[in-house]
Amino acid sequence: MRGRPVLVSYSAGGPWLVMEGTHRLVEIYHAAKEGKAEKTAVDVIAGVNPIARNWNAWRDPPAAE
């Protein structure tokens, strides 16, 4: 695997969006699930920026009633 997946959020508590590396993360998940690789931590680049909330693709979960 080359490079680190990139995650971004408008808050350190999430939600987190995978901006880069989705396919790598899915491959790691499936290999571990099938027993072809050990479950391991994955180094990522994580960025938190409050103005990311303004990005129109964010979908916050509905508020609990």
Protein backbone atom coordinates (compact mmCIF):
# COMPACT_ATOMS: atom_id res chain seq x y z
CA MET A 1 0.00 0.00 0.00
CA ARG A 2 1.34 3.39 -0.94
CA GLY A 3 0.49 6.50 0.98
CA ARG A 4 -1.82 7.02 3.90
CA PRO A 5 -5.58 7.35 3.70
CA VAL A 6 -6.79 10.91 4.32
CA LEU A 7 -9.68 11.59 6.69
CA VAL A 8 -11.36 14.94 7.33
CA SER A 9 -13.91 16.18 9.84
CA TYR A 10 -15.27 19.45 11.16
CA SER A 11 -14.82 18.16 14.73
CA ALA A 12 -12.32 15.86 16.45
CA GLY A 13 -15.31 13.77 17.55
CA GLY A 14 -16.38 13.15 13.94
CA PRO A 15 -18.11 12.30 11.76
CA TRP A 16 -15.08 11.41 9.64
CA LEU A 17 -15.06 11.32 5.86
CA VAL A 18 -12.50 9.29 3.90
CA MET A 19 -11.23 11.72 1.26
CA GLU A 20 -8.49 9.48 -0.13
CA GLY A 21 -7.69 5.80 0.34
CA THR A 22 -11.16 4.26 0.40
CA HIS A 23 -10.14 1.32 -1.79
CA ARG A 24 -7.03 0.63 0.32
CA LEU A 25 -9.09 0.57 3.50
CA VAL A 26 -11.67 -1.77 1.95
CA GLU A 27 -8.91 -4.14 0.74
CA ILE A 28 -7.37 -4.22 4.24
CA TYR A 29 -10.79 -4.87 5.80
CA HIS A 30 -11.63 -7.74 3.44
CA ALA A 31 -8.18 -9.35 3.77
CA ALA A 32 -8.47 -9.30 7.57
CA LYS A 33 -12.04 -10.61 7.46
CA GLU A 34 -10.99 -13.53 5.23
CA GLY A 35 -7.98 -14.31 7.44
CA LYS A 36 -5.48 -13.39 4.71
CA ALA A 37 -3.96 -10.61 6.80
CA GLU A 38 -3.72 -9.72 10.44
CA LYS A 39 -5.97 -7.03 11.83
CA THR A 40 -3.75 -4.04 12.31
CA ALA A 41 -3.83 -0.32 12.88
CA VAL A 42 -3.59 1.82 9.77
CA ASP A 43 -1.69 5.09 9.77
CA VAL A 44 -3.84 7.88 8.35
CA ILE A 45 -3.64 11.60 7.82
CA ALA A 46 -6.49 13.27 9.70
CA GLY A 47 -7.52 16.87 9.31
CA VAL A 48 -9.98 18.80 11.46
CA ASN A 49 -11.32 22.10 10.20
CA PRO A 50 -14.54 23.69 11.53
CA ILE A 51 -15.41 25.21 8.16
CA ALA A 52 -15.59 21.72 6.65
CA ARG A 53 -19.12 21.62 8.10
CA ASN A 54 -20.11 24.12 5.39
CA TRP A 55 -19.30 21.58 2.71
CA ASN A 56 -22.66 20.60 1.21
CA ALA A 57 -21.90 16.85 1.10
CA TRP A 58 -21.99 16.40 4.92
CA ARG A 59 -24.96 14.43 6.11
CA ASP A 60 -25.36 14.67 9.87
CA PRO A 61 -27.32 11.85 11.48
CA PRO A 62 -30.83 12.88 12.53
CA ALA A 63 -31.14 14.22 16.07
CA ALA A 64 -32.45 11.76 18.64
CA GLU A 65 -36.01 12.47 19.67
